Amino acid sequence: MASLALAFSIFPAQATTWAVDFSNAIIKRWPSNIESMTGKTKWEYSNGIILHGIEKVYDYTKDVNYLNYIKNGLIPMFRPAAS
């Protein structure tokens, strides 16, 4: 993720286009949430990296769709287990 942050700081216009395109591709391919990509039902480091990148895109664009995708990826992880 450091490379994404570095790209934002060095080449903001190019990085933003790449970051937005990447985030849109993730959301289009796995629309329900990030869990559908990895099949993990608990926290997974790789999911966090992708969600963090999408968070940075949201910070830049202020497009609520990115924020909603992040929330949809996190909410299931904090639900109590069925008993």
C-alpha atoms as a PDB file:
ATOM      1  CA  MET A   1       0.000   0.000   0.000  1.00  0.00           C
ATOM      2  CA  ALA A   2       2.986   2.252   0.428  1.00  0.00           C
ATOM      3  CA  SER A   3       3.409   2.220  -3.339  1.00  0.00           C
ATOM      4  CA  LEU A   4      -0.146   3.525  -3.776  1.00  0.00           C
ATOM      5  CA  ALA A   5       0.458   6.300  -1.258  1.00  0.00           C
ATOM      6  CA  LEU A   6       3.759   7.138  -2.933  1.00  0.00           C
ATOM      7  CA  ALA A   7       2.058   7.218  -6.309  1.00  0.00           C
ATOM      8  CA  PHE A   8      -0.545   9.651  -4.978  1.00  0.00           C
ATOM      9  CA  SER A   9       2.163  12.001  -3.756  1.00  0.00           C
ATOM     10  CA  ILE A  10       4.508  11.864  -6.758  1.00  0.00           C
ATOM     11  CA  PHE A  11       2.069  11.619  -9.672  1.00  0.00           C
ATOM     12  CA  PRO A  12      -1.323  12.677  -8.282  1.00  0.00           C
ATOM     13  CA  ALA A  13      -3.273  12.831 -11.562  1.00  0.00           C
ATOM     14  CA  GLN A  14      -1.892   9.575 -12.995  1.00  0.00           C
ATOM     15  CA  ALA A  15      -2.070   7.725  -9.691  1.00  0.00           C
ATOM     16  CA  THR A  16      -5.585   8.895  -9.068  1.00  0.00           C
ATOM     17  CA  THR A  17      -6.725   7.561 -12.421  1.00  0.00           C
ATOM     18  CA  TRP A  18      -5.004   4.237 -11.749  1.00  0.00           C
ATOM     19  CA  ALA A  19      -6.315   4.009  -8.190  1.00  0.00           C
ATOM     20  CA  VAL A  20      -9.865   4.880  -9.214  1.00  0.00           C
ATOM     21  CA  ASP A  21      -9.738   2.377 -12.095  1.00  0.00           C
ATOM     22  CA  PHE A  22      -8.394  -0.339  -9.776  1.00  0.00           C
ATOM     23  CA  SER A  23     -11.029   0.354  -7.125  1.00  0.00           C
ATOM     24  CA  ASN A  24     -13.800   0.363  -9.715  1.00  0.00           C
ATOM     25  CA  ALA A  25     -12.558  -2.950 -11.093  1.00  0.00           C
ATOM     26  CA  ILE A  26     -12.593  -4.532  -7.623  1.00  0.00           C
ATOM     27  CA  ILE A  27     -16.108  -3.262  -6.928  1.00  0.00           C
ATOM     28  CA  LYS A  28     -17.380  -4.359 -10.340  1.00  0.00           C
ATOM     29  CA  ARG A  29     -15.893  -7.841 -10.101  1.00  0.00           C
ATOM     30  CA  TRP A  30     -16.857  -8.473  -6.452  1.00  0.00           C
ATOM     31  CA  PRO A  31     -19.893  -6.217  -5.913  1.00  0.00           C
ATOM     32  CA  SER A  32     -21.231  -7.698  -2.682  1.00  0.00           C
ATOM     33  CA  ASN A  33     -18.068  -7.224  -0.628  1.00  0.00           C
ATOM     34  CA  ILE A  34     -14.388  -8.023  -0.509  1.00  0.00           C
ATOM     35  CA  GLU A  35     -15.044 -11.380   1.201  1.00  0.00           C
ATOM     36  CA  SER A  36     -16.402 -12.741  -2.054  1.00  0.00           C
ATOM     37  CA  MET A  37     -12.934 -12.275  -3.575  1.00  0.00           C
ATOM     38  CA  THR A  38     -10.972 -14.263  -1.002  1.00  0.00           C
ATOM     39  CA  GLY A  39     -13.701 -16.483   0.420  1.00  0.00           C
ATOM     40  CA  LYS A  40     -12.562 -15.573   3.939  1.00  0.00           C
ATOM     41  CA  THR A  41     -15.262 -14.922   6.534  1.00  0.00           C
ATOM     42  CA  LYS A  42     -12.860 -13.434   9.043  1.00  0.00           C
ATOM     43  CA  TRP A  43     -10.360 -10.613   8.814  1.00  0.00           C
ATOM     44  CA  GLU A  44      -7.710 -11.222   6.179  1.00  0.00           C
ATOM     45  CA  TYR A  45      -4.653  -9.022   5.665  1.00  0.00           C
ATOM     46  CA  SER A  46      -5.069  -8.913   1.880  1.00  0.00           C
ATOM     47  CA  ASN A  47      -8.674  -7.730   2.264  1.00  0.00           C
ATOM     48  CA  GLY A  48      -7.445  -4.940   4.518  1.00  0.00           C
ATOM     49  CA  ILE A  49      -4.866  -3.799   1.990  1.00  0.00           C
ATOM     50  CA  ILE A  50      -7.465  -3.535  -0.753  1.00  0.00           C
ATOM     51  CA  LEU A  51     -10.016  -1.826   1.489  1.00  0.00           C
ATOM     52  CA  HIS A  52      -7.362   0.647   2.620  1.00  0.00           C
ATOM     53  CA  GLY A  53      -6.623   1.504  -1.006  1.00  0.00           C
ATOM     54  CA  ILE A  54     -10.329   2.024  -1.666  1.00  0.00           C
ATOM     55  CA  GLU A  55     -10.440   4.221   1.449  1.00  0.00           C
ATOM     56  CA  LYS A  56      -7.722   6.422  -0.063  1.00  0.00           C
ATOM     57  CA  VAL A  57      -9.744   6.685  -3.275  1.00  0.00           C
ATOM     58  CA  TYR A  58     -12.777   7.709  -1.200  1.00  0.00           C
ATOM     59  CA  ASP A  59     -10.657  10.328   0.612  1.00  0.00           C
ATOM     60  CA  TYR A  60      -9.657  11.762  -2.752  1.00  0.00           C
ATOM     61  CA  THR A  61     -12.980  11.547  -4.619  1.00  0.00           C
ATOM     62  CA  LYS A  62     -15.492  11.794  -1.747  1.00  0.00           C
ATOM     63  CA  ASP A  63     -17.639   9.339  -3.723  1.00  0.00           C
ATOM     64  CA  VAL A  64     -19.842   7.645  -1.131  1.00  0.00           C
ATOM     65  CA  ASN A  65     -19.954   4.415  -3.192  1.00  0.00           C
ATOM     66  CA  TYR A  66     -16.371   3.666  -2.126  1.00  0.00           C
ATOM     67  CA  LEU A  67     -17.221   4.264   1.523  1.00  0.00           C
ATOM     68  CA  ASN A  68     -20.283   2.015   1.277  1.00  0.00           C
ATOM     69  CA  TYR A  69     -18.189  -0.771  -0.252  1.00  0.00           C
ATOM     70  CA  ILE A  70     -15.743  -0.526   2.649  1.00  0.00           C
ATOM     71  CA  LYS A  71     -18.593  -0.671   5.163  1.00  0.00           C
ATOM     72  CA  ASN A  72     -20.103  -3.697   3.400  1.00  0.00           C
ATOM     73  CA  GLY A  73     -16.746  -5.421   3.700  1.00  0.00           C
ATOM     74  CA  LEU A  74     -16.331  -4.675   7.389  1.00  0.00           C
ATOM     75  CA  ILE A  75     -19.802  -5.048   8.885  1.00  0.00           C
ATOM     76  CA  PRO A  76     -20.025  -8.857   8.462  1.00  0.00           C
ATOM     77  CA  MET A  77     -16.754  -9.266  10.339  1.00  0.00           C
ATOM     78  CA  PHE A  78     -18.150  -7.613  13.451  1.00  0.00           C
ATOM     79  CA  ARG A  79     -21.427  -9.482  13.697  1.00  0.00           C
ATOM     80  CA  PRO A  80     -21.702 -11.889  16.626  1.00  0.00           C
ATOM     81  CA  ALA A  81     -21.264 -15.545  15.764  1.00  0.00           C
ATOM     82  CA  ALA A  82     -24.435 -17.620  15.567  1.00  0.00           C
ATOM     83  CA  SER A  83     -24.990 -19.771  18.608  1.00  0.00           C
END
